[in-house]
N, C-alpha and C. Protein backbone atom coordinates (compact mmCIF):
# COMPACT_ATOMS: atom_id res chain seq x y z
N MET A 1 -112.72 -67.04 -4.24
CA MET A 1 -112.06 -66.35 -4.75
C MET A 1 -113.32 -66.26 -6.15
N LYS A 2 -113.08 -64.33 -6.32
CA LYS A 2 -113.86 -64.26 -7.68
C LYS A 2 -113.12 -63.75 -8.88
N TYR A 3 -114.29 -64.85 -9.92
CA TYR A 3 -113.20 -65.22 -11.52
C TYR A 3 -114.39 -64.61 -12.49
N LEU A 4 -113.79 -63.70 -13.40
CA LEU A 4 -114.99 -63.73 -14.38
C LEU A 4 -114.50 -64.68 -15.58
N LEU A 5 -115.64 -65.11 -15.94
CA LEU A 5 -115.15 -66.30 -17.47
C LEU A 5 -115.82 -65.71 -18.21
N LEU A 6 -114.75 -65.40 -19.30
CA LEU A 6 -115.24 -64.82 -20.60
C LEU A 6 -115.83 -65.77 -21.80
N VAL A 7 -116.64 -65.79 -22.63
CA VAL A 7 -116.66 -66.85 -23.35
C VAL A 7 -116.67 -66.05 -24.79
N CYS A 8 -115.49 -66.61 -25.34
CA CYS A 8 -115.19 -65.75 -26.40
C CYS A 8 -115.74 -66.52 -27.68
N VAL A 9 -116.15 -66.64 -28.77
CA VAL A 9 -116.55 -67.72 -30.17
C VAL A 9 -116.42 -66.80 -31.49
N ASP A 10 -116.47 -67.77 -32.10
CA ASP A 10 -116.65 -66.68 -33.70
C ASP A 10 -117.97 -67.09 -34.06
N GLU A 11 -118.45 -65.53 -33.98
CA GLU A 11 -119.65 -65.47 -34.56
C GLU A 11 -119.94 -66.12 -36.03
N ASP A 12 -119.32 -66.81 -36.59
CA ASP A 12 -119.86 -66.83 -38.19
C ASP A 12 -120.18 -68.66 -37.64
N VAL A 13 -119.32 -69.38 -36.84
CA VAL A 13 -119.58 -70.84 -36.21
C VAL A 13 -121.05 -71.03 -35.47
N GLU A 14 -122.04 -71.97 -36.37
CA GLU A 14 -122.92 -72.00 -36.21
C GLU A 14 -122.98 -73.35 -34.99
N ARG A 15 -123.53 -73.11 -33.71
CA ARG A 15 -123.45 -73.24 -32.53
C ARG A 15 -124.93 -73.48 -31.82
N ASN A 16 -125.15 -74.84 -31.27
CA ASN A 16 -126.76 -75.29 -31.12
C ASN A 16 -126.23 -75.81 -29.71
N ALA A 17 -125.06 -75.44 -29.03
CA ALA A 17 -125.08 -75.83 -27.36
C ALA A 17 -125.58 -74.96 -26.58
N ASP A 18 -126.67 -75.61 -25.74
CA ASP A 18 -127.53 -75.09 -24.50
C ASP A 18 -127.15 -74.76 -23.58
N PRO A 19 -126.67 -73.77 -23.26
CA PRO A 19 -126.07 -73.70 -21.76
C PRO A 19 -126.69 -73.79 -19.67
N THR A 20 -127.80 -74.34 -20.83
CA THR A 20 -128.65 -74.27 -19.01
C THR A 20 -128.13 -74.99 -18.83
N PRO A 21 -128.26 -76.50 -18.59
CA PRO A 21 -127.72 -78.19 -18.06
C PRO A 21 -126.52 -77.04 -16.94
N TRP A 22 -125.50 -76.32 -17.65
CA TRP A 22 -124.28 -75.96 -17.41
C TRP A 22 -125.07 -74.83 -16.30
N ILE A 23 -125.53 -73.87 -16.83
CA ILE A 23 -126.07 -72.94 -15.59
C ILE A 23 -126.29 -73.40 -14.36
N GLU A 24 -127.63 -74.19 -14.66
CA GLU A 24 -128.41 -75.14 -13.45
C GLU A 24 -127.20 -75.84 -12.60
N GLU A 25 -125.87 -76.98 -13.08
CA GLU A 25 -125.12 -77.11 -12.14
C GLU A 25 -124.60 -75.96 -11.51
N MET A 26 -124.11 -75.46 -12.49
CA MET A 26 -123.08 -74.58 -11.44
C MET A 26 -123.59 -73.41 -10.40
N GLU A 27 -125.16 -73.10 -10.54
CA GLU A 27 -125.55 -72.11 -9.86
C GLU A 27 -126.05 -73.24 -8.63
N GLY A 28 -126.47 -74.37 -8.58
CA GLY A 28 -126.86 -75.55 -7.90
C GLY A 28 -125.44 -75.75 -6.72
N ARG A 29 -124.27 -75.48 -7.54
CA ARG A 29 -123.14 -75.72 -7.05
C ARG A 29 -122.91 -74.38 -5.76
N GLY A 30 -123.60 -72.79 -6.84
CA GLY A 30 -122.83 -72.09 -5.67
C GLY A 30 -121.38 -71.39 -6.55
N VAL A 31 -120.86 -71.42 -7.30
CA VAL A 31 -120.11 -71.11 -7.93
C VAL A 31 -120.40 -70.53 -8.99
N ARG A 32 -121.65 -70.33 -9.95
CA ARG A 32 -121.71 -69.05 -10.59
C ARG A 32 -122.81 -67.69 -10.33
N LEU A 33 -122.48 -67.19 -10.14
CA LEU A 33 -123.56 -65.58 -9.28
C LEU A 33 -123.65 -64.93 -10.20
N THR A 34 -123.72 -64.76 -10.98
CA THR A 34 -124.26 -63.95 -12.21
C THR A 34 -123.43 -64.51 -14.11
N GLY A 35 -124.38 -64.11 -14.59
CA GLY A 35 -123.85 -64.16 -16.28
C GLY A 35 -125.08 -63.73 -17.14
N ASN A 36 -124.37 -63.31 -18.32
CA ASN A 36 -125.66 -63.65 -19.52
C ASN A 36 -124.66 -62.98 -20.70
N ARG A 37 -125.32 -63.62 -21.85
CA ARG A 37 -125.02 -63.80 -22.96
C ARG A 37 -125.10 -62.05 -23.66
N LEU A 38 -123.80 -61.50 -24.83
CA LEU A 38 -124.06 -60.56 -25.30
C LEU A 38 -124.20 -60.15 -26.60
N ARG A 39 -125.25 -58.87 -27.30
CA ARG A 39 -125.67 -58.88 -28.39
C ARG A 39 -124.06 -58.83 -29.30
N PRO A 40 -124.19 -59.43 -30.33
CA PRO A 40 -123.26 -59.37 -31.34
C PRO A 40 -122.50 -58.49 -31.74
N VAL A 41 -120.74 -58.48 -31.98
CA VAL A 41 -119.95 -57.29 -32.19
C VAL A 41 -120.53 -55.94 -33.03
N ARG A 42 -121.47 -57.09 -33.44
CA ARG A 42 -122.15 -55.30 -34.23
C ARG A 42 -123.10 -54.28 -33.60
N ASP A 43 -123.31 -54.87 -32.52
CA ASP A 43 -123.79 -53.43 -31.51
C ASP A 43 -123.29 -52.75 -30.82
N SER A 44 -121.67 -53.42 -30.61
CA SER A 44 -120.46 -53.08 -29.64
C SER A 44 -120.59 -51.48 -30.19
N THR A 45 -120.04 -50.56 -29.28
CA THR A 45 -119.37 -49.22 -29.46
C THR A 45 -118.22 -49.65 -28.84
N THR A 46 -116.83 -48.97 -29.21
CA THR A 46 -115.53 -49.06 -28.57
C THR A 46 -115.87 -46.98 -28.27
N VAL A 47 -114.90 -46.90 -26.61
CA VAL A 47 -114.88 -45.60 -26.51
C VAL A 47 -113.64 -45.42 -25.73
N ARG A 48 -112.65 -44.70 -26.70
CA ARG A 48 -111.19 -44.12 -25.61
C ARG A 48 -111.64 -42.72 -25.57
N ARG A 49 -110.19 -42.46 -25.31
CA ARG A 49 -109.93 -41.05 -25.05
C ARG A 49 -108.15 -41.29 -25.44
N ARG A 50 -108.08 -40.12 -26.49
CA ARG A 50 -106.31 -39.93 -26.78
C ARG A 50 -106.17 -38.87 -26.95
N ASP A 51 -104.92 -38.23 -25.76
CA ASP A 51 -104.65 -37.25 -26.25
C ASP A 51 -106.10 -35.53 -25.48
N GLY A 52 -107.06 -36.14 -25.10
CA GLY A 52 -107.37 -35.12 -24.73
C GLY A 52 -108.90 -35.29 -25.75
N GLU A 53 -109.18 -36.05 -26.55
CA GLU A 53 -110.11 -35.89 -27.35
C GLU A 53 -110.96 -37.64 -27.52
N LEU A 54 -112.37 -37.36 -27.36
CA LEU A 54 -113.06 -38.87 -27.37
C LEU A 54 -113.31 -39.07 -28.53
N LEU A 55 -112.66 -40.57 -28.13
CA LEU A 55 -112.68 -41.37 -29.47
C LEU A 55 -113.87 -42.52 -29.77
N ILE A 56 -114.91 -42.59 -30.31
CA ILE A 56 -115.99 -43.80 -30.25
C ILE A 56 -116.10 -43.82 -31.81
N ALA A 57 -116.56 -45.29 -31.76
CA ALA A 57 -116.60 -46.31 -32.90
C ALA A 57 -117.38 -47.40 -33.21
N ASP A 58 -118.12 -47.61 -34.23
CA ASP A 58 -118.86 -48.60 -34.09
C ASP A 58 -118.04 -49.94 -34.03
N GLY A 59 -118.81 -51.41 -33.43
CA GLY A 59 -117.38 -52.21 -33.54
C GLY A 59 -116.77 -52.48 -32.47
N PRO A 60 -115.82 -53.94 -32.48
CA PRO A 60 -114.70 -53.61 -31.91
C PRO A 60 -113.80 -53.27 -31.75
N PHE A 61 -112.77 -53.32 -30.49
CA PHE A 61 -111.44 -52.78 -30.80
C PHE A 61 -110.41 -53.99 -31.30
N ALA A 62 -110.52 -55.02 -30.91
CA ALA A 62 -110.30 -56.32 -31.20
C ALA A 62 -110.43 -56.72 -32.88
N GLU A 63 -108.89 -56.43 -34.09
CA GLU A 63 -109.71 -57.37 -34.97
C GLU A 63 -109.22 -58.62 -34.76
N THR A 64 -110.19 -59.59 -34.50
CA THR A 64 -110.06 -60.93 -34.59
C THR A 64 -111.20 -61.75 -35.01
N LYS A 65 -111.17 -63.12 -34.81
CA LYS A 65 -112.20 -64.03 -35.12
C LYS A 65 -113.42 -64.37 -34.05
N GLU A 66 -112.41 -64.35 -33.04
CA GLU A 66 -113.53 -64.78 -31.99
C GLU A 66 -113.62 -63.56 -31.23
N GLN A 67 -114.68 -63.46 -30.57
CA GLN A 67 -115.07 -61.93 -29.88
C GLN A 67 -115.85 -62.34 -28.84
N ILE A 68 -115.67 -61.22 -27.51
CA ILE A 68 -116.59 -61.90 -25.86
C ILE A 68 -118.01 -62.08 -26.57
N GLY A 69 -118.71 -63.36 -26.04
CA GLY A 69 -120.25 -63.55 -26.72
C GLY A 69 -120.68 -63.61 -25.64
N GLY A 70 -120.14 -64.11 -24.19
CA GLY A 70 -121.05 -63.85 -22.83
C GLY A 70 -119.73 -63.63 -21.93
N PHE A 71 -120.51 -64.02 -20.54
CA PHE A 71 -119.80 -63.55 -19.61
C PHE A 71 -120.13 -64.53 -18.03
N ASP A 72 -119.68 -64.99 -17.20
CA ASP A 72 -120.24 -64.89 -16.47
C ASP A 72 -119.17 -64.63 -14.30
N ILE A 73 -120.24 -64.75 -13.59
CA ILE A 73 -119.13 -64.10 -12.95
C ILE A 73 -119.01 -65.19 -11.56
N LEU A 74 -118.07 -66.33 -11.11
CA LEU A 74 -117.84 -67.82 -10.62
C LEU A 74 -117.08 -67.00 -9.28
N GLU A 75 -117.71 -67.43 -8.25
CA GLU A 75 -116.33 -68.22 -6.63
C GLU A 75 -116.27 -69.12 -6.43
N CYS A 76 -115.31 -69.59 -6.43
CA CYS A 76 -114.57 -70.58 -6.99
C CYS A 76 -113.49 -71.01 -5.33
N ALA A 77 -113.30 -71.96 -4.63
CA ALA A 77 -112.25 -71.97 -3.78
C ALA A 77 -110.56 -71.46 -4.44
N ASP A 78 -110.57 -72.02 -5.65
CA ASP A 78 -109.43 -71.59 -6.12
C ASP A 78 -109.53 -71.90 -7.72
N LEU A 79 -108.14 -71.41 -8.60
CA LEU A 79 -107.83 -71.43 -9.69
C LEU A 79 -108.17 -73.18 -10.35
N ASP A 80 -108.03 -73.93 -9.63
CA ASP A 80 -108.61 -74.91 -10.02
C ASP A 80 -109.65 -76.01 -10.07
N GLU A 81 -110.77 -75.16 -8.99
CA GLU A 81 -112.08 -75.05 -9.55
C GLU A 81 -112.42 -74.06 -10.32
N ALA A 82 -112.27 -73.48 -10.82
CA ALA A 82 -112.59 -72.00 -11.81
C ALA A 82 -111.90 -73.08 -13.05
N ILE A 83 -110.89 -73.97 -13.19
CA ILE A 83 -110.67 -74.24 -14.28
C ILE A 83 -111.70 -75.75 -14.06
N GLU A 84 -111.90 -75.56 -13.41
CA GLU A 84 -112.82 -76.97 -13.59
C GLU A 84 -114.12 -76.85 -14.61
N VAL A 85 -114.66 -75.74 -13.62
CA VAL A 85 -115.88 -74.70 -13.97
C VAL A 85 -116.01 -74.76 -15.16
N ALA A 86 -115.08 -74.15 -16.48
CA ALA A 86 -115.06 -73.51 -17.60
C ALA A 86 -114.80 -74.51 -18.15
N SER A 87 -113.90 -75.72 -17.92
CA SER A 87 -113.87 -76.63 -18.92
C SER A 87 -115.13 -77.27 -19.20
N LYS A 88 -116.40 -77.17 -18.09
CA LYS A 88 -117.53 -77.76 -18.46
C LYS A 88 -118.22 -76.90 -19.23
N HIS A 89 -118.36 -75.25 -19.42
CA HIS A 89 -118.90 -74.84 -20.42
C HIS A 89 -119.33 -75.10 -21.44
N PRO A 90 -120.62 -75.18 -22.42
CA PRO A 90 -120.46 -75.72 -23.79
C PRO A 90 -119.67 -75.19 -24.05
N ALA A 91 -119.83 -73.67 -24.71
CA ALA A 91 -118.71 -73.10 -25.42
C ALA A 91 -117.32 -73.65 -25.17
N ALA A 92 -116.57 -74.34 -24.36
CA ALA A 92 -115.35 -74.59 -24.48
C ALA A 92 -115.14 -75.77 -25.70
N GLU A 93 -116.22 -76.18 -26.53
CA GLU A 93 -116.38 -77.25 -27.37
C GLU A 93 -116.33 -76.56 -29.00
N PHE A 94 -116.73 -75.27 -28.82
CA PHE A 94 -115.82 -74.73 -30.28
C PHE A 94 -115.17 -73.22 -30.06
N GLY A 95 -115.32 -72.64 -29.13
CA GLY A 95 -114.71 -71.07 -28.52
C GLY A 95 -113.35 -71.46 -27.48
N THR A 96 -113.23 -70.39 -26.93
CA THR A 96 -112.33 -70.28 -25.89
C THR A 96 -113.16 -69.58 -24.87
N ILE A 97 -112.74 -70.00 -23.19
CA ILE A 97 -113.13 -69.61 -22.38
C ILE A 97 -112.19 -68.95 -21.78
N GLU A 98 -111.59 -67.69 -21.26
CA GLU A 98 -110.86 -67.27 -20.71
C GLU A 98 -111.28 -66.61 -19.17
N LEU A 99 -110.60 -66.88 -17.94
CA LEU A 99 -110.69 -66.52 -16.75
C LEU A 99 -109.85 -65.76 -16.01
N ARG A 100 -110.66 -65.03 -15.78
CA ARG A 100 -109.66 -63.52 -15.36
C ARG A 100 -110.16 -63.35 -13.99
N PRO A 101 -109.07 -63.57 -12.54
CA PRO A 101 -109.26 -63.48 -11.54
C PRO A 101 -109.69 -61.98 -11.03
N PHE A 102 -110.41 -61.49 -10.24
CA PHE A 102 -110.58 -60.65 -9.79
C PHE A 102 -109.78 -59.67 -8.70
N TRP A 103 -109.63 -58.22 -8.72
CA TRP A 103 -108.63 -57.97 -7.65
C TRP A 103 -108.95 -58.00 -6.46
N THR A 104 -108.55 -58.35 -5.17
CA THR A 104 -108.87 -58.74 -4.25
C THR A 104 -108.42 -57.68 -3.08
N GLU A 105 -108.65 -56.42 -2.05
CA GLU A 105 -108.62 -55.41 -2.18
C GLU A 105 -107.91 -56.06 -0.52
């Protein structure tokens, strides 16, 4: 089953966690398919369409301290394995990890 792992962090929090060991372990296990860090929220663009009008704004749509700072796509046997993988992510120590299953066809 495929899961999207979202790394949600407060950009103001200093973090020195190196994700390399986690990446190497999860790729070695064959559960991490791809992933990457994202540019800061100040570089984001929000796109919406309302009543036929295109609305474009700089920055994130959500007004929260934690923003999506990165993502990984996982292939896990089940939710239990996805939770175990997410719990080992270094950002789980200072941020929030959100798991979302992909729709299956």
